[in-house]
Amino acid sequence: MKTRLFKTGSMLSLIILMLTACGGNTDVVDSGTYEGTIEEVEADKTEIYVKTLDDQTLELYFTDQTTLTKSGEKVDFSALQKGQRVVVEVERVGKRLDPLSVKILE
């Protein structure tokens, strides 16, 4: 009985650790357009975290269909930096947010 309880507790701890490490503090919002500031850029995953004006954090993994622009011109993912203001158009797919477009405002 103690071994089973220990294993269950260990698994629960591992799950909590994984959720925390994988952006467990992000929000899922409705499909739409949101303005905010880039909190983090993970270039190796083509992923950004955006803090919206209403204090929600969006975790956005770019897809082949995501458009990224600055001053009306298409730019590469490398143009994104922490602290930039952006407008993102997202589509909610279950509990995931797919960025349709990201516009750099600065």
PDB file of N, CA and C in Angstrom:
ATOM      1  N   MET A   1       0.832  -1.199   0.000  1.00  0.00           N
ATOM      2  CA  MET A   1       0.000   0.000   0.000  1.00  0.00           C
ATOM      3  C   MET A   1       0.875   1.261   0.000  1.00  0.00           C
ATOM      4  N   LYS A   2       1.938   1.277   0.840  1.00  0.00           N
ATOM      5  CA  LYS A   2       2.806   2.460   0.887  1.00  0.00           C
ATOM      6  C   LYS A   2       3.516   2.673  -0.444  1.00  0.00           C
ATOM      7  N   THR A   3       3.912   1.584  -1.104  1.00  0.00           N
ATOM      8  CA  THR A   3       4.605   1.693  -2.387  1.00  0.00           C
ATOM      9  C   THR A   3       3.675   2.293  -3.440  1.00  0.00           C
ATOM     10  N   ARG A   4       2.429   1.834  -3.454  1.00  0.00           N
ATOM     11  CA  ARG A   4       1.461   2.357  -4.417  1.00  0.00           C
ATOM     12  C   ARG A   4       1.208   3.847  -4.185  1.00  0.00           C
ATOM     13  N   LEU A   5       1.070   4.242  -2.926  1.00  0.00           N
ATOM     14  CA  LEU A   5       0.859   5.644  -2.579  1.00  0.00           C
ATOM     15  C   LEU A   5       2.066   6.483  -2.970  1.00  0.00           C
ATOM     16  N   PHE A   6       3.267   5.956  -2.748  1.00  0.00           N
ATOM     17  CA  PHE A   6       4.490   6.660  -3.102  1.00  0.00           C
ATOM     18  C   PHE A   6       4.556   6.862  -4.620  1.00  0.00           C
ATOM     19  N   LYS A   7       4.238   5.801  -5.385  1.00  0.00           N
ATOM     20  CA  LYS A   7       4.270   5.905  -6.843  1.00  0.00           C
ATOM     21  C   LYS A   7       3.250   6.924  -7.344  1.00  0.00           C
ATOM     22  N   THR A   8       2.057   6.911  -6.762  1.00  0.00           N
ATOM     23  CA  THR A   8       1.021   7.865  -7.155  1.00  0.00           C
ATOM     24  C   THR A   8       1.462   9.292  -6.859  1.00  0.00           C
ATOM     25  N   GLY A   9       2.031   9.497  -5.672  1.00  0.00           N
ATOM     26  CA  GLY A   9       2.527  10.831  -5.301  1.00  0.00           C
ATOM     27  C   GLY A   9       3.654  11.281  -6.207  1.00  0.00           C
ATOM     28  N   SER A  10       4.534  10.358  -6.551  1.00  0.00           N
ATOM     29  CA  SER A  10       5.653  10.687  -7.440  1.00  0.00           C
ATOM     30  C   SER A  10       5.156  11.073  -8.824  1.00  0.00           C
ATOM     31  N   MET A  11       4.181  10.329  -9.346  1.00  0.00           N
ATOM     32  CA  MET A  11       3.628  10.631 -10.665  1.00  0.00           C
ATOM     33  C   MET A  11       2.931  11.994 -10.664  1.00  0.00           C
ATOM     34  N   LEU A  12       2.189  12.283  -9.615  1.00  0.00           N
ATOM     35  CA  LEU A  12       1.504  13.563  -9.511  1.00  0.00           C
ATOM     36  C   LEU A  12       2.510  14.705  -9.482  1.00  0.00           C
ATOM     37  N   SER A  13       3.581  14.546  -8.732  1.00  0.00           N
ATOM     38  CA  SER A  13       4.624  15.574  -8.676  1.00  0.00           C
ATOM     39  C   SER A  13       5.255  15.788 -10.035  1.00  0.00           C
ATOM     40  N   LEU A  14       5.501  14.697 -10.764  1.00  0.00           N
ATOM     41  CA  LEU A  14       6.097  14.795 -12.090  1.00  0.00           C
ATOM     42  C   LEU A  14       5.167  15.528 -13.053  1.00  0.00           C
ATOM     43  N   ILE A  15       3.894  15.227 -13.002  1.00  0.00           N
ATOM     44  CA  ILE A  15       2.920  15.896 -13.878  1.00  0.00           C
ATOM     45  C   ILE A  15       2.869  17.388 -13.583  1.00  0.00           C
ATOM     46  N   ILE A  16       2.841  17.751 -12.312  1.00  0.00           N
ATOM     47  CA  ILE A  16       2.820  19.172 -11.938  1.00  0.00           C
ATOM     48  C   ILE A  16       4.071  19.879 -12.426  1.00  0.00           C
ATOM     49  N   LEU A  17       5.223  19.233 -12.283  1.00  0.00           N
ATOM     50  CA  LEU A  17       6.479  19.819 -12.743  1.00  0.00           C
ATOM     51  C   LEU A  17       6.454  20.025 -14.249  1.00  0.00           C
ATOM     52  N   MET A  18       5.952  19.046 -14.981  1.00  0.00           N
ATOM     53  CA  MET A  18       5.902  19.160 -16.442  1.00  0.00           C
ATOM     54  C   MET A  18       4.969  20.283 -16.876  1.00  0.00           C
ATOM     55  N   LEU A  19       3.825  20.413 -16.224  1.00  0.00           N
ATOM     56  CA  LEU A  19       2.894  21.484 -16.581  1.00  0.00           C
ATOM     57  C   LEU A  19       3.489  22.852 -16.301  1.00  0.00           C
ATOM     58  N   THR A  20       4.185  22.976 -15.206  1.00  0.00           N
ATOM     59  CA  THR A  20       4.822  24.244 -14.864  1.00  0.00           C
ATOM     60  C   THR A  20       5.908  24.592 -15.863  1.00  0.00           C
ATOM     61  N   ALA A  21       6.695  23.602 -16.264  1.00  0.00           N
ATOM     62  CA  ALA A  21       7.792  23.832 -17.196  1.00  0.00           C
ATOM     63  C   ALA A  21       7.300  24.094 -18.609  1.00  0.00           C
ATOM     64  N   CYS A  22       6.107  23.674 -18.944  1.00  0.00           N
ATOM     65  CA  CYS A  22       5.590  23.801 -20.309  1.00  0.00           C
ATOM     66  C   CYS A  22       4.612  24.955 -20.453  1.00  0.00           C
ATOM     67  N   GLY A  23       4.773  25.987 -19.690  1.00  0.00           N
ATOM     68  CA  GLY A  23       3.899  27.144 -19.843  1.00  0.00           C
ATOM     69  C   GLY A  23       2.525  26.920 -19.257  1.00  0.00           C
ATOM     70  N   GLY A  24       2.451  26.267 -18.123  1.00  0.00           N
ATOM     71  CA  GLY A  24       1.181  25.980 -17.485  1.00  0.00           C
ATOM     72  C   GLY A  24       0.422  27.224 -17.067  1.00  0.00           C
ATOM     73  N   ASN A  25       1.042  28.380 -17.118  1.00  0.00           N
ATOM     74  CA  ASN A  25       0.394  29.627 -16.710  1.00  0.00           C
ATOM     75  C   ASN A  25      -0.138  30.405 -17.899  1.00  0.00           C
ATOM     76  N   THR A  26      -0.527  29.702 -18.955  1.00  0.00           N
ATOM     77  CA  THR A  26      -1.057  30.385 -20.124  1.00  0.00           C
ATOM     78  C   THR A  26      -2.577  30.280 -20.150  1.00  0.00           C
ATOM     79  N   ASP A  27      -3.191  31.140 -20.946  1.00  0.00           N
ATOM     80  CA  ASP A  27      -4.645  31.200 -21.036  1.00  0.00           C
ATOM     81  C   ASP A  27      -5.110  30.788 -22.424  1.00  0.00           C
ATOM     82  N   VAL A  28      -6.290  30.204 -22.480  1.00  0.00           N
ATOM     83  CA  VAL A  28      -6.936  29.896 -23.750  1.00  0.00           C
ATOM     84  C   VAL A  28      -8.092  30.876 -23.899  1.00  0.00           C
ATOM     85  N   VAL A  29      -8.059  31.630 -24.972  1.00  0.00           N
ATOM     86  CA  VAL A  29      -9.073  32.663 -25.214  1.00  0.00           C
ATOM     87  C   VAL A  29      -9.887  32.277 -26.450  1.00  0.00           C
ATOM     88  N   ASP A  30     -10.955  33.005 -26.692  1.00  0.00           N
ATOM     89  CA  ASP A  30     -11.757  32.778 -27.886  1.00  0.00           C
ATOM     90  C   ASP A  30     -10.993  33.228 -29.128  1.00  0.00           C
ATOM     91  N   SER A  31     -11.386  32.689 -30.273  1.00  0.00           N
ATOM     92  CA  SER A  31     -10.824  33.159 -31.535  1.00  0.00           C
ATOM     93  C   SER A  31     -11.065  34.658 -31.640  1.00  0.00           C
ATOM     94  N   GLY A  32     -10.075  35.384 -32.153  1.00  0.00           N
ATOM     95  CA  GLY A  32     -10.221  36.827 -32.280  1.00  0.00           C
ATOM     96  C   GLY A  32      -8.889  37.520 -32.400  1.00  0.00           C
ATOM     97  N   THR A  33      -8.911  38.826 -32.219  1.00  0.00           N
ATOM     98  CA  THR A  33      -7.721  39.664 -32.349  1.00  0.00           C
ATOM     99  C   THR A  33      -7.398  40.275 -30.995  1.00  0.00           C
ATOM    100  N   TYR A  34      -6.122  40.203 -30.607  1.00  0.00           N
ATOM    101  CA  TYR A  34      -5.674  40.668 -29.301  1.00  0.00           C
ATOM    102  C   TYR A  34      -4.401  41.490 -29.454  1.00  0.00           C
ATOM    103  N   GLU A  35      -4.299  42.537 -28.642  1.00  0.00           N
ATOM    104  CA  GLU A  35      -3.082  43.351 -28.612  1.00  0.00           C
ATOM    105  C   GLU A  35      -2.352  43.052 -27.323  1.00  0.00           C
ATOM    106  N   GLY A  36      -1.018  43.056 -27.399  1.00  0.00           N
ATOM    107  CA  GLY A  36      -0.246  42.786 -26.197  1.00  0.00           C
ATOM    108  C   GLY A  36       1.235  42.979 -26.420  1.00  0.00           C
ATOM    109  N   THR A  37       2.010  42.462 -25.470  1.00  0.00           N
ATOM    110  CA  THR A  37       3.461  42.586 -25.479  1.00  0.00           C
ATOM    111  C   THR A  37       4.082  41.197 -25.427  1.00  0.00           C
ATOM    112  N   ILE A  38       5.119  40.999 -26.221  1.00  0.00           N
ATOM    113  CA  ILE A  38       5.808  39.709 -26.215  1.00  0.00           C
ATOM    114  C   ILE A  38       6.572  39.558 -24.904  1.00  0.00           C
ATOM    115  N   GLU A  39       6.264  38.496 -24.176  1.00  0.00           N
ATOM    116  CA  GLU A  39       6.928  38.190 -22.909  1.00  0.00           C
ATOM    117  C   GLU A  39       8.151  37.299 -23.126  1.00  0.00           C
ATOM    118  N   GLU A  40       8.071  36.425 -24.133  1.00  0.00           N
ATOM    119  CA  GLU A  40       9.151  35.471 -24.378  1.00  0.00           C
ATOM    120  C   GLU A  40       9.107  35.028 -25.832  1.00  0.00           C
ATOM    121  N   VAL A  41      10.295  34.810 -26.407  1.00  0.00           N
ATOM    122  CA  VAL A  41      10.420  34.274 -27.759  1.00  0.00           C
ATOM    123  C   VAL A  41      11.262  33.011 -27.662  1.00  0.00           C
ATOM    124  N   GLU A  42      10.733  31.904 -28.171  1.00  0.00           N
ATOM    125  CA  GLU A  42      11.485  30.648 -28.222  1.00  0.00           C
ATOM    126  C   GLU A  42      11.701  30.311 -29.688  1.00  0.00           C
ATOM    127  N   ALA A  43      12.828  30.784 -30.222  1.00  0.00           N
ATOM    128  CA  ALA A  43      13.102  30.667 -31.654  1.00  0.00           C
ATOM    129  C   ALA A  43      13.177  29.218 -32.116  1.00  0.00           C
ATOM    130  N   ASP A  44      13.753  28.337 -31.299  1.00  0.00           N
ATOM    131  CA  ASP A  44      13.898  26.942 -31.717  1.00  0.00           C
ATOM    132  C   ASP A  44      12.561  26.229 -31.870  1.00  0.00           C
ATOM    133  N   LYS A  45      11.520  26.749 -31.236  1.00  0.00           N
ATOM    134  CA  LYS A  45      10.175  26.165 -31.336  1.00  0.00           C
ATOM    135  C   LYS A  45       9.236  27.033 -32.165  1.00  0.00           C
ATOM    136  N   THR A  46       9.738  28.142 -32.717  1.00  0.00           N
ATOM    137  CA  THR A  46       8.912  29.174 -33.368  1.00  0.00           C
ATOM    138  C   THR A  46       7.651  29.427 -32.539  1.00  0.00           C
ATOM    139  N   GLU A  47       7.910  29.810 -31.298  1.00  0.00           N
ATOM    140  CA  GLU A  47       6.854  30.026 -30.311  1.00  0.00           C
ATOM    141  C   GLU A  47       7.064  31.363 -29.618  1.00  0.00           C
ATOM    142  N   ILE A  48       5.944  32.047 -29.336  1.00  0.00           N
ATOM    143  CA  ILE A  48       6.017  33.266 -28.537  1.00  0.00           C
ATOM    144  C   ILE A  48       4.949  33.215 -27.450  1.00  0.00           C
ATOM    145  N   TYR A  49       5.216  33.960 -26.385  1.00  0.00           N
ATOM    146  CA  TYR A  49       4.232  34.173 -25.321  1.00  0.00           C
ATOM    147  C   TYR A  49       3.883  35.642 -25.342  1.00  0.00           C
ATOM    148  N   VAL A  50       2.590  35.944 -25.414  1.00  0.00           N
ATOM    149  CA  VAL A  50       2.118  37.328 -25.493  1.00  0.00           C
ATOM    150  C   VAL A  50       1.233  37.622 -24.289  1.00  0.00           C
ATOM    151  N   LYS A  51       1.555  38.700 -23.563  1.00  0.00           N
ATOM    152  CA  LYS A  51       0.717  39.187 -22.457  1.00  0.00           C
ATOM    153  C   LYS A  51      -0.230  40.217 -23.041  1.00  0.00           C
ATOM    154  N   THR A  52      -1.533  39.927 -22.996  1.00  0.00           N
ATOM    155  CA  THR A  52      -2.530  40.811 -23.603  1.00  0.00           C
ATOM    156  C   THR A  52      -2.811  42.017 -22.703  1.00  0.00           C
ATOM    157  N   LEU A  53      -3.511  42.982 -23.260  1.00  0.00           N
ATOM    158  CA  LEU A  53      -3.863  44.180 -22.510  1.00  0.00           C
ATOM    159  C   LEU A  53      -4.747  43.867 -21.307  1.00  0.00           C
ATOM    160  N   ASP A  54      -5.512  42.759 -21.382  1.00  0.00           N
ATOM    161  CA  ASP A  54      -6.353  42.376 -20.239  1.00  0.00           C
ATOM    162  C   ASP A  54      -5.676  41.317 -19.353  1.00  0.00           C
ATOM    163  N   ASP A  55      -4.328  41.287 -19.410  1.00  0.00           N
ATOM    164  CA  ASP A  55      -3.490  40.504 -18.490  1.00  0.00           C
ATOM    165  C   ASP A  55      -3.649  38.985 -18.637  1.00  0.00           C
ATOM    166  N   GLN A  56      -3.846  38.531 -19.859  1.00  0.00           N
ATOM    167  CA  GLN A  56      -3.838  37.098 -20.133  1.00  0.00           C
ATOM    168  C   GLN A  56      -2.562  36.767 -20.893  1.00  0.00           C
ATOM    169  N   THR A  57      -2.042  35.566 -20.706  1.00  0.00           N
ATOM    170  CA  THR A  57      -0.842  35.142 -21.409  1.00  0.00           C
ATOM    171  C   THR A  57      -1.208  34.105 -22.447  1.00  0.00           C
ATOM    172  N   LEU A  58      -0.868  34.397 -23.715  1.00  0.00           N
ATOM    173  CA  LEU A  58      -1.162  33.512 -24.826  1.00  0.00           C
ATOM    174  C   LEU A  58       0.111  32.800 -25.268  1.00  0.00           C
ATOM    175  N   GLU A  59       0.038  31.493 -25.399  1.00  0.00           N
ATOM    176  CA  GLU A  59       1.148  30.682 -25.894  1.00  0.00           C
ATOM    177  C   GLU A  59       0.856  30.382 -27.355  1.00  0.00           C
ATOM    178  N   LEU A  60       1.705  30.875 -28.261  1.00  0.00           N
ATOM    179  CA  LEU A  60       1.435  30.784 -29.685  1.00  0.00           C
ATOM    180  C   LEU A  60       2.576  30.095 -30.424  1.00  0.00           C
ATOM    181  N   TYR A  61       2.281  28.925 -30.998  1.00  0.00           N
ATOM    182  CA  TYR A  61       3.229  28.213 -31.850  1.00  0.00           C
ATOM    183  C   TYR A  61       2.913  28.574 -33.296  1.00  0.00           C
ATOM    184  N   PHE A  62       3.880  29.138 -33.986  1.00  0.00           N
ATOM    185  CA  PHE A  62       3.668  29.522 -35.378  1.00  0.00           C
ATOM    186  C   PHE A  62       3.467  28.284 -36.242  1.00  0.00           C
ATOM    187  N   THR A  63       2.611  28.423 -37.253  1.00  0.00           N
ATOM    188  CA  THR A  63       2.393  27.363 -38.231  1.00  0.00           C
ATOM    189  C   THR A  63       2.875  27.873 -39.588  1.00  0.00           C
ATOM    190  N   ASP A  64       2.813  27.014 -40.599  1.00  0.00           N
ATOM    191  CA  ASP A  64       3.188  27.436 -41.951  1.00  0.00           C
ATOM    192  C   ASP A  64       2.236  28.503 -42.486  1.00  0.00           C
ATOM    193  N   GLN A  65       1.033  28.581 -41.909  1.00  0.00           N
ATOM    194  CA  GLN A  65       0.043  29.543 -42.379  1.00  0.00           C
ATOM    195  C   GLN A  65       0.099  30.885 -41.637  1.00  0.00           C
ATOM    196  N   THR A  66       0.867  30.963 -40.551  1.00  0.00           N
ATOM    197  CA  THR A  66       0.954  32.207 -39.781  1.00  0.00           C
ATOM    198  C   THR A  66       1.677  33.279 -40.590  1.00  0.00           C
ATOM    199  N   THR A  67       1.060  34.464 -40.700  1.00  0.00           N
ATOM    200  CA  THR A  67       1.741  35.583 -41.361  1.00  0.00           C
ATOM    201  C   THR A  67       2.308  36.514 -40.290  1.00  0.00           C
ATOM    202  N   LEU A  68       3.504  36.999 -40.526  1.00  0.00           N
ATOM    203  CA  LEU A  68       4.184  37.903 -39.599  1.00  0.00           C
ATOM    204  C   LEU A  68       4.581  39.146 -40.369  1.00  0.00           C
ATOM    205  N   THR A  69       4.082  40.311 -39.893  1.00  0.00           N
ATOM    206  CA  THR A  69       4.360  41.559 -40.602  1.00  0.00           C
ATOM    207  C   THR A  69       4.821  42.658 -39.649  1.00  0.00           C
ATOM    208  N   LYS A  70       5.540  43.605 -40.239  1.00  0.00           N
ATOM    209  CA  LYS A  70       5.954  44.824 -39.538  1.00  0.00           C
ATOM    210  C   LYS A  70       5.883  45.949 -40.565  1.00  0.00           C
ATOM    211  N   SER A  71       5.147  47.010 -40.242  1.00  0.00           N
ATOM    212  CA  SER A  71       4.943  48.147 -41.154  1.00  0.00           C
ATOM    213  C   SER A  71       4.377  47.680 -42.489  1.00  0.00           C
ATOM    214  N   GLY A  72       3.508  46.671 -42.457  1.00  0.00           N
ATOM    215  CA  GLY A  72       2.868  46.182 -43.667  1.00  0.00           C
ATOM    216  C   GLY A  72       3.701  45.235 -44.507  1.00  0.00           C
ATOM    217  N   GLU A  73       4.942  44.990 -44.116  1.00  0.00           N
ATOM    218  CA  GLU A  73       5.846  44.111 -44.873  1.00  0.00           C
ATOM    219  C   GLU A  73       6.005  42.783 -44.142  1.00  0.00           C
ATOM    220  N   LYS A  74       6.084  41.692 -44.898  1.00  0.00           N
ATOM    221  CA  LYS A  74       6.358  40.395 -44.290  1.00  0.00           C
ATOM    222  C   LYS A  74       7.782  40.365 -43.759  1.00  0.00           C
ATOM    223  N   VAL A  75       7.937  39.798 -42.554  1.00  0.00           N
ATOM    224  CA  VAL A  75       9.259  39.680 -41.941  1.00  0.00           C
ATOM    225  C   VAL A  75       9.449  38.256 -41.421  1.00  0.00           C
ATOM    226  N   ASP A  76      10.704  37.913 -41.158  1.00  0.00           N
ATOM    227  CA  ASP A  76      11.043  36.595 -40.628  1.00  0.00           C
ATOM    228  C   ASP A  76      10.768  36.525 -39.131  1.00  0.00           C
ATOM    229  N   PHE A  77      10.639  35.322 -38.618  1.00  0.00           N
ATOM    230  CA  PHE A  77      10.424  35.087 -37.192  1.00  0.00           C
ATOM    231  C   PHE A  77      11.515  35.744 -36.352  1.00  0.00           C
ATOM    232  N   SER A  78      12.721  35.835 -36.900  1.00  0.00           N
ATOM    233  CA  SER A  78      13.849  36.419 -36.167  1.00  0.00           C
ATOM    234  C   SER A  78      13.633  37.901 -35.838  1.00  0.00           C
ATOM    235  N   ALA A  79      12.637  38.542 -36.450  1.00  0.00           N
ATOM    236  CA  ALA A  79      12.339  39.950 -36.169  1.00  0.00           C
ATOM    237  C   ALA A  79      11.646  40.130 -34.820  1.00  0.00           C
ATOM    238  N   LEU A  80      11.134  39.038 -34.246  1.00  0.00           N
ATOM    239  CA  LEU A  80      10.411  39.120 -32.969  1.00  0.00           C
ATOM    240  C   LEU A  80      11.379  39.220 -31.796  1.00  0.00           C
ATOM    241  N   GLN A  81      11.040  40.102 -30.846  1.00  0.00           N
ATOM    242  CA  GLN A  81      11.869  40.307 -29.658  1.00  0.00           C
ATOM    243  C   GLN A  81      10.993  40.509 -28.434  1.00  0.00           C
ATOM    244  N   LYS A  82      11.518  40.099 -27.313  1.00  0.00           N
ATOM    245  CA  LYS A  82      10.831  40.326 -26.040  1.00  0.00           C
ATOM    246  C   LYS A  82      10.597  41.828 -25.869  1.00  0.00           C
ATOM    247  N   GLY A  83       9.391  42.190 -25.412  1.00  0.00           N
ATOM    248  CA  GLY A  83       9.065  43.589 -25.153  1.00  0.00           C
ATOM    249  C   GLY A  83       8.357  44.292 -26.303  1.00  0.00           C
ATOM    250  N   GLN A  84       8.332  43.672 -27.496  1.00  0.00           N
ATOM    251  CA  GLN A  84       7.651  44.294 -28.626  1.00  0.00           C
ATOM    252  C   GLN A  84       6.142  44.243 -28.432  1.00  0.00           C
ATOM    253  N   ARG A  85       5.482  45.289 -28.895  1.00  0.00           N
ATOM    254  CA  ARG A  85       4.016  45.289 -28.903  1.00  0.00           C
ATOM    255  C   ARG A  85       3.555  44.642 -30.198  1.00  0.00           C
ATOM    256  N   VAL A  86       2.537  43.811 -30.087  1.00  0.00           N
ATOM    257  CA  VAL A  86       2.028  43.092 -31.248  1.00  0.00           C
ATOM    258  C   VAL A  86       0.504  43.038 -31.218  1.00  0.00           C
ATOM    259  N   VAL A  87      -0.072  42.818 -32.394  1.00  0.00           N
ATOM    260  CA  VAL A  87      -1.480  42.479 -32.526  1.00  0.00           C
ATOM    261  C   VAL A  87      -1.506  41.084 -33.125  1.00  0.00           C
ATOM    262  N   VAL A  88      -2.199  40.171 -32.446  1.00  0.00           N
ATOM    263  CA  VAL A  88      -2.269  38.796 -32.918  1.00  0.00           C
ATOM    264  C   VAL A  88      -3.712  38.422 -33.223  1.00  0.00           C
ATOM    265  N   GLU A  89      -3.895  37.743 -34.325  1.00  0.00           N
ATOM    266  CA  GLU A  89      -5.194  37.160 -34.650  1.00  0.00           C
ATOM    267  C   GLU A  89      -5.051  35.665 -34.439  1.00  0.00           C
ATOM    268  N   VAL A  90      -5.873  35.110 -33.548  1.00  0.00           N
ATOM    269  CA  VAL A  90      -5.755  33.694 -33.204  1.00  0.00           C
ATOM    270  C   VAL A  90      -7.051  32.953 -33.505  1.00  0.00           C
ATOM    271  N   GLU A  91      -6.877  31.679 -33.763  1.00  0.00           N
ATOM    272  CA  GLU A  91      -8.015  30.782 -33.921  1.00  0.00           C
ATOM    273  C   GLU A  91      -7.908  29.723 -32.829  1.00  0.00           C
ATOM    274  N   ARG A  92      -8.981  29.589 -32.069  1.00  0.00           N
ATOM    275  CA  ARG A  92      -8.998  28.598 -30.996  1.00  0.00           C
ATOM    276  C   ARG A  92      -9.373  27.245 -31.599  1.00  0.00           C
ATOM    277  N   VAL A  93      -8.508  26.255 -31.360  1.00  0.00           N
ATOM    278  CA  VAL A  93      -8.739  24.892 -31.817  1.00  0.00           C
ATOM    279  C   VAL A  93      -8.674  24.010 -30.572  1.00  0.00           C
ATOM    280  N   GLY A  94      -9.823  23.725 -29.983  1.00  0.00           N
ATOM    281  CA  GLY A  94      -9.841  23.000 -28.709  1.00  0.00           C
ATOM    282  C   GLY A  94      -9.228  23.859 -27.631  1.00  0.00           C
ATOM    283  N   LYS A  95      -8.153  23.359 -27.009  1.00  0.00           N
ATOM    284  CA  LYS A  95      -7.453  24.125 -25.974  1.00  0.00           C
ATOM    285  C   LYS A  95      -6.184  24.770 -26.509  1.00  0.00           C
ATOM    286  N   ARG A  96      -6.024  24.760 -27.832  1.00  0.00           N
ATOM    287  CA  ARG A  96      -4.836  25.313 -28.465  1.00  0.00           C
ATOM    288  C   ARG A  96      -5.213  26.590 -29.206  1.00  0.00           C
ATOM    289  N   LEU A  97      -4.267  27.532 -29.266  1.00  0.00           N
ATOM    290  CA  LEU A  97      -4.451  28.765 -30.030  1.00  0.00           C
ATOM    291  C   LEU A  97      -3.497  28.750 -31.221  1.00  0.00           C
ATOM    292  N   ASP A  98      -4.040  28.822 -32.423  1.00  0.00           N
ATOM    293  CA  ASP A  98      -3.212  28.912 -33.619  1.00  0.00           C
ATOM    294  C   ASP A  98      -3.148  30.368 -34.058  1.00  0.00           C
ATOM    295  N   PRO A  99      -1.939  30.941 -34.145  1.00  0.00           N
ATOM    296  CA  PRO A  99      -1.836  32.327 -34.611  1.00  0.00           C
ATOM    297  C   PRO A  99      -2.012  32.388 -36.129  1.00  0.00           C
ATOM    298  N   LEU A 100      -3.022  33.121 -36.575  1.00  0.00           N
ATOM    299  CA  LEU A 100      -3.235  33.309 -38.010  1.00  0.00           C
ATOM    300  C   LEU A 100      -2.335  34.423 -38.523  1.00  0.00           C
ATOM    301  N   SER A 101      -2.247  35.513 -37.729  1.00  0.00           N
ATOM    302  CA  SER A 101      -1.369  36.624 -38.100  1.00  0.00           C
ATOM    303  C   SER A 101      -0.805  37.282 -36.856  1.00  0.00           C
ATOM    304  N   VAL A 102       0.405  37.797 -37.004  1.00  0.00           N
ATOM    305  CA  VAL A 102       1.063  38.553 -35.950  1.00  0.00           C
ATOM    306  C   VAL A 102       1.607  39.820 -36.602  1.00  0.00           C
ATOM    307  N   LYS A 103       1.198  40.977 -36.076  1.00  0.00           N
ATOM    308  CA  LYS A 103       1.666  42.266 -36.581  1.00  0.00           C
ATOM    309  C   LYS A 103       2.514  42.926 -35.500  1.00  0.00           C
ATOM    310  N   ILE A 104       3.758  43.226 -35.831  1.00  0.00           N
ATOM    311  CA  ILE A 104       4.635  43.948 -34.907  1.00  0.00           C
ATOM    312  C   ILE A 104       4.292  45.425 -35.011  1.00  0.00           C
ATOM    313  N   LEU A 105       3.973  46.054 -33.875  1.00  0.00           N
ATOM    314  CA  LEU A 105       3.534  47.458 -33.874  1.00  0.00           C
ATOM    315  C   LEU A 105       4.680  48.444 -33.776  1.00  0.00           C
ATOM    316  N   GLU A 106       5.820  48.032 -33.298  1.00  0.00           N
ATOM    317  CA  GLU A 106       6.922  48.983 -33.100  1.00  0.00           C
ATOM    318  C   GLU A 106       7.946  48.876 -34.194  1.00  0.00           C
TER     319      GLU A 106
END
